[in-house]
Amino acid sequence: MTTGTGEEATPLVGGDAATEAWRLMTAVMMARKQQFPQIAASFKLNPGALHALLTLDPEAPQSMSALAGGWGCDASNVTWLVDRLEENGLVERRPHPSDRRVRTVALTPKGVEVRAQVETMIYEAPAAIAALSPTDLETLCRVLRKAAPADTPRLASARF
């Protein structure tokens, strides 16, 4: 086996290519994850509130209980996170269209804009990925597309 530079690579221990591939993908993501707190702080948010912002669908307000289920946390944690987003003008609580007892959480226009800015920042390729050849990038995308969840959106400019 050769490396990306054409040099002989160290053989895989036990020959488990799937584990090695996952280990390498995790290493790339964990290196990038270190930037998440700084990105959050640049928008005056903590990482939890930033994650919450990224999971909100701009087209579909959700109830607080649906958010608790989706985020895997207690309703009081949802209230705290939504309070932080609301303080920054990123979300608003609205009455549910068919159940007056329920409040939904919807992104504000500012929230939609900030969410798009955050996505641009976190989806920017790290230097090591950007430095890959066009052929390697196309191959990487084709392989990862096979492993990614089926509902993962594609970039409009993606050719592969």
N, C-alpha and C. Protein backbone atom coordinates (compact mmCIF):
# COMPACT_ATOMS: atom_id res chain seq x y z
N MET A 1 0.85 -1.18 0.00
CA MET A 1 0.00 0.00 0.00
C MET A 1 0.89 1.24 0.00
N THR A 2 0.44 2.30 -0.70
CA THR A 2 1.21 3.53 -0.74
C THR A 2 0.43 4.65 -0.09
N THR A 3 1.15 5.67 0.33
CA THR A 3 0.52 6.85 0.92
C THR A 3 0.14 7.81 -0.19
N GLY A 4 -0.47 8.93 0.17
CA GLY A 4 -0.83 9.95 -0.81
C GLY A 4 0.38 10.54 -1.51
N THR A 5 1.55 10.39 -0.91
CA THR A 5 2.77 10.90 -1.53
C THR A 5 3.45 9.85 -2.39
N GLY A 6 2.85 8.66 -2.48
CA GLY A 6 3.41 7.58 -3.27
C GLY A 6 4.40 6.73 -2.51
N GLU A 7 4.64 7.04 -1.23
CA GLU A 7 5.58 6.27 -0.43
C GLU A 7 4.87 5.04 0.13
N GLU A 8 5.65 4.04 0.46
CA GLU A 8 5.07 2.84 1.06
C GLU A 8 4.53 3.19 2.45
N ALA A 9 3.31 2.78 2.71
CA ALA A 9 2.69 3.04 4.00
C ALA A 9 2.96 1.88 4.95
N THR A 10 2.88 2.16 6.24
CA THR A 10 3.00 1.12 7.23
C THR A 10 1.79 0.20 7.09
N PRO A 11 1.99 -1.11 7.05
CA PRO A 11 0.85 -2.03 6.92
C PRO A 11 -0.11 -1.87 8.09
N LEU A 12 -1.37 -2.09 7.83
CA LEU A 12 -2.39 -2.00 8.88
C LEU A 12 -2.20 -3.14 9.87
N VAL A 13 -2.33 -2.83 11.13
CA VAL A 13 -2.24 -3.85 12.16
C VAL A 13 -3.51 -4.69 12.08
N GLY A 14 -3.34 -5.96 11.87
CA GLY A 14 -4.50 -6.85 11.79
C GLY A 14 -5.27 -6.72 10.50
N GLY A 15 -4.85 -5.81 9.61
CA GLY A 15 -5.51 -5.67 8.32
C GLY A 15 -6.92 -5.15 8.37
N ASP A 16 -7.32 -4.47 9.45
CA ASP A 16 -8.69 -3.97 9.57
C ASP A 16 -8.79 -2.59 8.93
N ALA A 17 -9.03 -2.57 7.64
CA ALA A 17 -9.07 -1.31 6.90
C ALA A 17 -10.23 -0.42 7.34
N ALA A 18 -11.38 -1.01 7.68
CA ALA A 18 -12.53 -0.20 8.10
C ALA A 18 -12.22 0.56 9.39
N THR A 19 -11.60 -0.11 10.34
CA THR A 19 -11.24 0.55 11.59
C THR A 19 -10.21 1.65 11.35
N GLU A 20 -9.23 1.39 10.50
CA GLU A 20 -8.22 2.40 10.19
C GLU A 20 -8.85 3.60 9.50
N ALA A 21 -9.75 3.36 8.55
CA ALA A 21 -10.42 4.47 7.86
C ALA A 21 -11.21 5.31 8.86
N TRP A 22 -11.94 4.64 9.75
CA TRP A 22 -12.73 5.37 10.74
C TRP A 22 -11.83 6.13 11.70
N ARG A 23 -10.71 5.53 12.10
CA ARG A 23 -9.77 6.20 13.00
C ARG A 23 -9.24 7.47 12.35
N LEU A 24 -8.91 7.39 11.07
CA LEU A 24 -8.39 8.56 10.36
C LEU A 24 -9.45 9.65 10.20
N MET A 25 -10.68 9.25 9.86
CA MET A 25 -11.76 10.25 9.74
C MET A 25 -12.02 10.91 11.09
N THR A 26 -12.00 10.11 12.15
CA THR A 26 -12.21 10.66 13.50
C THR A 26 -11.10 11.64 13.86
N ALA A 27 -9.86 11.30 13.51
CA ALA A 27 -8.73 12.19 13.81
C ALA A 27 -8.89 13.53 13.09
N VAL A 28 -9.32 13.50 11.84
CA VAL A 28 -9.55 14.74 11.09
C VAL A 28 -10.65 15.56 11.76
N MET A 29 -11.75 14.91 12.12
CA MET A 29 -12.88 15.63 12.73
C MET A 29 -12.53 16.16 14.13
N MET A 30 -11.81 15.37 14.91
CA MET A 30 -11.46 15.82 16.26
C MET A 30 -10.52 17.03 16.21
N ALA A 31 -9.63 17.05 15.24
CA ALA A 31 -8.75 18.21 15.09
C ALA A 31 -9.58 19.45 14.77
N ARG A 32 -10.58 19.27 13.94
CA ARG A 32 -11.45 20.40 13.55
C ARG A 32 -12.37 20.81 14.70
N LYS A 33 -12.79 19.83 15.50
CA LYS A 33 -13.71 20.10 16.60
C LYS A 33 -13.14 21.12 17.59
N GLN A 34 -11.82 21.19 17.67
CA GLN A 34 -11.18 22.13 18.59
C GLN A 34 -11.55 23.57 18.27
N GLN A 35 -11.97 23.84 17.04
CA GLN A 35 -12.33 25.21 16.65
C GLN A 35 -13.77 25.57 17.02
N PHE A 36 -14.58 24.59 17.35
CA PHE A 36 -15.99 24.83 17.62
C PHE A 36 -16.22 25.83 18.75
N PRO A 37 -15.52 25.73 19.89
CA PRO A 37 -15.73 26.74 20.94
C PRO A 37 -15.38 28.16 20.48
N GLN A 38 -14.34 28.30 19.66
CA GLN A 38 -13.97 29.63 19.18
C GLN A 38 -15.03 30.18 18.22
N ILE A 39 -15.55 29.31 17.37
CA ILE A 39 -16.61 29.74 16.46
C ILE A 39 -17.82 30.18 17.27
N ALA A 40 -18.20 29.38 18.27
CA ALA A 40 -19.34 29.73 19.12
C ALA A 40 -19.12 31.08 19.79
N ALA A 41 -17.94 31.28 20.35
CA ALA A 41 -17.64 32.54 21.05
C ALA A 41 -17.69 33.73 20.11
N SER A 42 -17.33 33.53 18.85
CA SER A 42 -17.36 34.64 17.90
C SER A 42 -18.78 35.14 17.64
N PHE A 43 -19.77 34.32 17.99
CA PHE A 43 -21.18 34.71 17.86
C PHE A 43 -21.82 34.93 19.22
N LYS A 44 -20.97 35.04 20.27
CA LYS A 44 -21.42 35.26 21.65
C LYS A 44 -22.31 34.12 22.15
N LEU A 45 -21.95 32.89 21.74
CA LEU A 45 -22.68 31.70 22.16
C LEU A 45 -21.71 30.72 22.80
N ASN A 46 -22.26 29.77 23.54
CA ASN A 46 -21.44 28.66 24.01
C ASN A 46 -21.61 27.52 23.01
N PRO A 47 -20.76 26.50 23.06
CA PRO A 47 -20.86 25.42 22.09
C PRO A 47 -22.21 24.71 22.07
N GLY A 48 -22.84 24.55 23.23
CA GLY A 48 -24.16 23.90 23.28
C GLY A 48 -25.21 24.71 22.54
N ALA A 49 -25.22 26.02 22.74
CA ALA A 49 -26.18 26.87 22.05
C ALA A 49 -25.91 26.90 20.56
N LEU A 50 -24.64 26.87 20.18
CA LEU A 50 -24.31 26.85 18.75
C LEU A 50 -24.78 25.55 18.11
N HIS A 51 -24.57 24.45 18.79
CA HIS A 51 -25.05 23.16 18.28
C HIS A 51 -26.58 23.19 18.15
N ALA A 52 -27.24 23.75 19.14
CA ALA A 52 -28.70 23.85 19.08
C ALA A 52 -29.13 24.68 17.86
N LEU A 53 -28.46 25.79 17.63
CA LEU A 53 -28.77 26.64 16.48
C LEU A 53 -28.66 25.86 15.17
N LEU A 54 -27.61 25.05 15.07
CA LEU A 54 -27.37 24.30 13.83
C LEU A 54 -28.40 23.20 13.60
N THR A 55 -29.06 22.74 14.65
CA THR A 55 -30.03 21.67 14.48
C THR A 55 -31.44 22.18 14.19
N LEU A 56 -31.65 23.47 14.36
CA LEU A 56 -32.98 24.04 14.09
C LEU A 56 -33.20 24.16 12.59
N ASP A 57 -34.35 23.70 12.15
CA ASP A 57 -34.71 23.77 10.73
C ASP A 57 -35.35 25.13 10.45
N PRO A 58 -34.76 25.91 9.56
CA PRO A 58 -35.32 27.24 9.28
C PRO A 58 -36.75 27.19 8.75
N GLU A 59 -37.15 26.09 8.17
CA GLU A 59 -38.49 25.97 7.58
C GLU A 59 -39.52 25.35 8.50
N ALA A 60 -39.08 24.80 9.63
CA ALA A 60 -40.02 24.04 10.47
C ALA A 60 -39.80 24.32 11.96
N PRO A 61 -40.53 25.28 12.52
CA PRO A 61 -40.45 25.49 13.97
C PRO A 61 -40.80 24.20 14.70
N GLN A 62 -40.14 23.97 15.84
CA GLN A 62 -40.38 22.75 16.60
C GLN A 62 -40.78 23.09 18.03
N SER A 63 -41.56 22.20 18.61
CA SER A 63 -41.96 22.39 20.00
C SER A 63 -40.76 22.15 20.91
N MET A 64 -40.86 22.69 22.10
CA MET A 64 -39.78 22.52 23.08
C MET A 64 -39.61 21.03 23.39
N SER A 65 -40.71 20.28 23.50
CA SER A 65 -40.59 18.86 23.80
C SER A 65 -39.95 18.10 22.64
N ALA A 66 -40.24 18.48 21.40
CA ALA A 66 -39.59 17.84 20.25
C ALA A 66 -38.10 18.13 20.26
N LEU A 67 -37.73 19.35 20.63
CA LEU A 67 -36.31 19.68 20.72
C LEU A 67 -35.63 18.86 21.81
N ALA A 68 -36.28 18.70 22.96
CA ALA A 68 -35.71 17.90 24.04
C ALA A 68 -35.46 16.48 23.57
N GLY A 69 -36.40 15.91 22.83
CA GLY A 69 -36.22 14.57 22.31
C GLY A 69 -35.10 14.50 21.29
N GLY A 70 -35.06 15.46 20.39
CA GLY A 70 -34.02 15.48 19.36
C GLY A 70 -32.64 15.75 19.91
N TRP A 71 -32.56 16.56 20.94
CA TRP A 71 -31.27 16.90 21.53
C TRP A 71 -30.86 15.92 22.62
N GLY A 72 -31.79 15.04 23.01
CA GLY A 72 -31.48 14.05 24.04
C GLY A 72 -31.21 14.67 25.39
N CYS A 73 -32.01 15.68 25.74
CA CYS A 73 -31.80 16.32 27.04
C CYS A 73 -33.14 16.64 27.69
N ASP A 74 -33.06 17.07 28.91
CA ASP A 74 -34.23 17.42 29.70
C ASP A 74 -34.83 18.74 29.21
N ALA A 75 -36.13 18.90 29.40
CA ALA A 75 -36.82 20.13 28.97
C ALA A 75 -36.19 21.38 29.59
N SER A 76 -35.69 21.28 30.82
CA SER A 76 -35.08 22.47 31.44
C SER A 76 -33.81 22.87 30.69
N ASN A 77 -33.08 21.91 30.15
CA ASN A 77 -31.89 22.24 29.35
C ASN A 77 -32.29 22.92 28.05
N VAL A 78 -33.38 22.46 27.46
CA VAL A 78 -33.87 23.09 26.23
C VAL A 78 -34.24 24.53 26.51
N THR A 79 -34.93 24.76 27.62
CA THR A 79 -35.32 26.12 27.98
C THR A 79 -34.09 27.00 28.11
N TRP A 80 -33.06 26.51 28.79
CA TRP A 80 -31.83 27.29 28.97
C TRP A 80 -31.18 27.59 27.62
N LEU A 81 -31.06 26.59 26.74
CA LEU A 81 -30.45 26.80 25.43
C LEU A 81 -31.26 27.77 24.59
N VAL A 82 -32.57 27.60 24.58
CA VAL A 82 -33.42 28.50 23.80
C VAL A 82 -33.35 29.92 24.36
N ASP A 83 -33.28 30.05 25.68
CA ASP A 83 -33.10 31.38 26.29
C ASP A 83 -31.85 32.06 25.76
N ARG A 84 -30.71 31.31 25.67
CA ARG A 84 -29.46 31.89 25.16
C ARG A 84 -29.63 32.34 23.70
N LEU A 85 -30.27 31.51 22.90
CA LEU A 85 -30.47 31.86 21.49
C LEU A 85 -31.41 33.05 21.36
N GLU A 86 -32.44 33.08 22.20
CA GLU A 86 -33.41 34.18 22.15
C GLU A 86 -32.76 35.49 22.59
N GLU A 87 -31.90 35.45 23.61
CA GLU A 87 -31.19 36.65 24.07
C GLU A 87 -30.36 37.28 22.96
N ASN A 88 -29.88 36.45 22.06
CA ASN A 88 -29.07 36.93 20.94
C ASN A 88 -29.90 37.23 19.70
N GLY A 89 -31.22 37.14 19.82
CA GLY A 89 -32.09 37.45 18.70
C GLY A 89 -32.08 36.41 17.59
N LEU A 90 -31.67 35.18 17.92
CA LEU A 90 -31.53 34.14 16.90
C LEU A 90 -32.78 33.27 16.75
N VAL A 91 -33.57 33.18 17.81
CA VAL A 91 -34.82 32.41 17.76
C VAL A 91 -35.91 33.20 18.46
N GLU A 92 -37.12 32.76 18.21
CA GLU A 92 -38.26 33.31 18.95
C GLU A 92 -39.21 32.18 19.26
N ARG A 93 -39.90 32.32 20.38
CA ARG A 93 -40.93 31.36 20.75
C ARG A 93 -42.24 31.83 20.12
N ARG A 94 -42.95 30.87 19.52
CA ARG A 94 -44.23 31.19 18.87
C ARG A 94 -45.29 30.22 19.36
N PRO A 95 -46.53 30.63 19.32
CA PRO A 95 -47.59 29.67 19.66
C PRO A 95 -47.68 28.59 18.57
N HIS A 96 -47.98 27.37 19.02
CA HIS A 96 -48.18 26.27 18.07
C HIS A 96 -49.44 26.57 17.24
N PRO A 97 -49.43 26.29 15.94
CA PRO A 97 -50.58 26.63 15.11
C PRO A 97 -51.88 25.93 15.48
N SER A 98 -51.80 24.74 16.09
CA SER A 98 -53.05 24.03 16.40
C SER A 98 -53.23 23.69 17.87
N ASP A 99 -52.26 24.02 18.72
CA ASP A 99 -52.37 23.71 20.14
C ASP A 99 -51.85 24.90 20.94
N ARG A 100 -52.77 25.68 21.49
CA ARG A 100 -52.39 26.89 22.20
C ARG A 100 -51.52 26.64 23.42
N ARG A 101 -51.53 25.41 23.94
CA ARG A 101 -50.73 25.10 25.13
C ARG A 101 -49.25 24.94 24.81
N VAL A 102 -48.93 24.75 23.53
CA VAL A 102 -47.56 24.44 23.11
C VAL A 102 -46.90 25.65 22.48
N ARG A 103 -45.64 25.86 22.82
CA ARG A 103 -44.84 26.91 22.20
C ARG A 103 -43.83 26.24 21.27
N THR A 104 -43.62 26.85 20.13
CA THR A 104 -42.61 26.34 19.21
C THR A 104 -41.42 27.31 19.19
N VAL A 105 -40.30 26.81 18.70
CA VAL A 105 -39.10 27.62 18.58
C VAL A 105 -38.80 27.76 17.10
N ALA A 106 -38.67 29.00 16.65
CA ALA A 106 -38.40 29.28 15.24
C ALA A 106 -37.20 30.19 15.12
N LEU A 107 -36.43 29.96 14.08
CA LEU A 107 -35.31 30.86 13.79
C LEU A 107 -35.83 32.21 13.33
N THR A 108 -35.20 33.27 13.79
CA THR A 108 -35.51 34.61 13.30
C THR A 108 -34.70 34.83 12.01
N PRO A 109 -34.99 35.89 11.28
CA PRO A 109 -34.13 36.18 10.11
C PRO A 109 -32.65 36.27 10.49
N LYS A 110 -32.37 36.89 11.65
CA LYS A 110 -30.98 36.95 12.11
C LYS A 110 -30.45 35.55 12.39
N GLY A 111 -31.27 34.70 12.97
CA GLY A 111 -30.87 33.33 13.26
C GLY A 111 -30.54 32.55 12.00
N VAL A 112 -31.35 32.74 10.97
CA VAL A 112 -31.09 32.08 9.68
C VAL A 112 -29.76 32.57 9.12
N GLU A 113 -29.52 33.87 9.21
CA GLU A 113 -28.27 34.46 8.70
C GLU A 113 -27.06 33.95 9.48
N VAL A 114 -27.15 33.97 10.81
CA VAL A 114 -26.02 33.50 11.64
C VAL A 114 -25.79 32.02 11.41
N ARG A 115 -26.85 31.24 11.32
CA ARG A 115 -26.70 29.80 11.06
C ARG A 115 -25.95 29.57 9.75
N ALA A 116 -26.28 30.33 8.72
CA ALA A 116 -25.58 30.20 7.43
C ALA A 116 -24.11 30.58 7.56
N GLN A 117 -23.83 31.64 8.34
CA GLN A 117 -22.43 32.05 8.55
C GLN A 117 -21.65 30.96 9.28
N VAL A 118 -22.28 30.37 10.30
CA VAL A 118 -21.62 29.31 11.06
C VAL A 118 -21.36 28.10 10.16
N GLU A 119 -22.35 27.73 9.37
CA GLU A 119 -22.16 26.59 8.47
C GLU A 119 -21.01 26.85 7.50
N THR A 120 -20.91 28.06 6.99
CA THR A 120 -19.81 28.40 6.10
C THR A 120 -18.47 28.20 6.81
N MET A 121 -18.40 28.59 8.07
CA MET A 121 -17.16 28.46 8.83
C MET A 121 -16.82 27.00 9.13
N ILE A 122 -17.82 26.24 9.57
CA ILE A 122 -17.50 24.87 9.97
C ILE A 122 -17.34 23.94 8.78
N TYR A 123 -17.93 24.28 7.64
CA TYR A 123 -17.80 23.43 6.46
C TYR A 123 -16.61 23.80 5.59
N GLU A 124 -15.89 24.86 5.94
CA GLU A 124 -14.69 25.20 5.18
C GLU A 124 -13.67 24.09 5.38
N ALA A 125 -13.14 23.59 4.29
CA ALA A 125 -12.22 22.47 4.36
C ALA A 125 -10.94 22.85 5.10
N PRO A 126 -10.49 21.98 6.01
CA PRO A 126 -9.19 22.21 6.65
C PRO A 126 -8.09 22.20 5.59
N ALA A 127 -6.99 22.83 5.90
CA ALA A 127 -5.89 22.96 4.94
C ALA A 127 -5.44 21.61 4.38
N ALA A 128 -5.38 20.59 5.23
CA ALA A 128 -4.92 19.27 4.77
C ALA A 128 -5.87 18.66 3.74
N ILE A 129 -7.15 18.95 3.85
CA ILE A 129 -8.13 18.44 2.87
C ILE A 129 -8.06 19.30 1.62
N ALA A 130 -8.03 20.61 1.79
CA ALA A 130 -7.99 21.52 0.65
C ALA A 130 -6.75 21.30 -0.21
N ALA A 131 -5.68 20.81 0.39
CA ALA A 131 -4.43 20.59 -0.34
C ALA A 131 -4.44 19.32 -1.19
N LEU A 132 -5.45 18.47 -1.03
CA LEU A 132 -5.52 17.25 -1.83
C LEU A 132 -5.75 17.58 -3.30
N SER A 133 -5.32 16.72 -4.15
CA SER A 133 -5.51 16.92 -5.59
C SER A 133 -7.00 16.82 -5.93
N PRO A 134 -7.42 17.43 -7.04
CA PRO A 134 -8.83 17.31 -7.45
C PRO A 134 -9.27 15.84 -7.59
N THR A 135 -8.40 15.00 -8.10
CA THR A 135 -8.74 13.58 -8.25
C THR A 135 -8.95 12.93 -6.88
N ASP A 136 -8.05 13.21 -5.93
CA ASP A 136 -8.19 12.65 -4.59
C ASP A 136 -9.46 13.16 -3.92
N LEU A 137 -9.77 14.45 -4.10
CA LEU A 137 -10.97 15.01 -3.50
C LEU A 137 -12.23 14.37 -4.08
N GLU A 138 -12.27 14.17 -5.37
CA GLU A 138 -13.43 13.52 -5.99
C GLU A 138 -13.58 12.09 -5.49
N THR A 139 -12.46 11.38 -5.37
CA THR A 139 -12.50 10.01 -4.85
C THR A 139 -12.98 10.00 -3.41
N LEU A 140 -12.44 10.91 -2.59
CA LEU A 140 -12.85 10.99 -1.19
C LEU A 140 -14.34 11.27 -1.09
N CYS A 141 -14.85 12.20 -1.88
CA CYS A 141 -16.27 12.52 -1.85
C CYS A 141 -17.13 11.33 -2.26
N ARG A 142 -16.72 10.64 -3.31
CA ARG A 142 -17.48 9.47 -3.76
C ARG A 142 -17.54 8.40 -2.66
N VAL A 143 -16.43 8.15 -2.00
CA VAL A 143 -16.38 7.13 -0.95
C VAL A 143 -17.21 7.58 0.25
N LEU A 144 -17.03 8.81 0.69
CA LEU A 144 -17.77 9.29 1.86
C LEU A 144 -19.27 9.37 1.59
N ARG A 145 -19.66 9.68 0.36
CA ARG A 145 -21.08 9.73 0.00
C ARG A 145 -21.73 8.36 0.25
N LYS A 146 -20.99 7.29 0.04
CA LYS A 146 -21.51 5.94 0.28
C LYS A 146 -21.76 5.69 1.76
N ALA A 147 -20.98 6.31 2.63
CA ALA A 147 -21.09 6.09 4.07
C ALA A 147 -21.97 7.12 4.77
N ALA A 148 -22.17 8.27 4.15
CA ALA A 148 -22.95 9.35 4.77
C ALA A 148 -24.44 8.99 4.80
N PRO A 149 -25.17 9.53 5.77
CA PRO A 149 -26.62 9.30 5.78
C PRO A 149 -27.23 9.73 4.45
N ALA A 150 -28.26 9.02 4.04
CA ALA A 150 -28.87 9.26 2.73
C ALA A 150 -29.42 10.67 2.59
N ASP A 151 -29.82 11.29 3.69
CA ASP A 151 -30.41 12.63 3.60
C ASP A 151 -29.38 13.76 3.71
N THR A 152 -28.09 13.42 3.65
CA THR A 152 -27.05 14.45 3.69
C THR A 152 -27.13 15.27 2.42
N PRO A 153 -27.35 16.59 2.54
CA PRO A 153 -27.47 17.42 1.33
C PRO A 153 -26.15 17.49 0.57
N ARG A 154 -26.27 17.61 -0.72
CA ARG A 154 -25.10 17.77 -1.58
C ARG A 154 -24.92 19.24 -1.89
N LEU A 155 -23.68 19.66 -2.06
CA LEU A 155 -23.42 21.01 -2.52
C LEU A 155 -23.91 21.13 -3.95
N ALA A 156 -24.48 22.25 -4.29
CA ALA A 156 -24.98 22.45 -5.65
C ALA A 156 -23.86 22.32 -6.68
N SER A 157 -22.64 22.66 -6.28
CA SER A 157 -21.51 22.61 -7.21
C SER A 157 -20.85 21.24 -7.29
N ALA A 158 -21.29 20.28 -6.48
CA ALA A 158 -20.66 18.96 -6.48
C ALA A 158 -20.95 18.23 -7.79
N ARG A 159 -19.91 17.70 -8.39
CA ARG A 159 -20.04 16.98 -9.66
C ARG A 159 -20.03 15.48 -9.47
N PHE A 160 -19.81 15.00 -8.28
CA PHE A 160 -19.61 13.57 -8.06
C PHE A 160 -20.59 13.05 -7.06
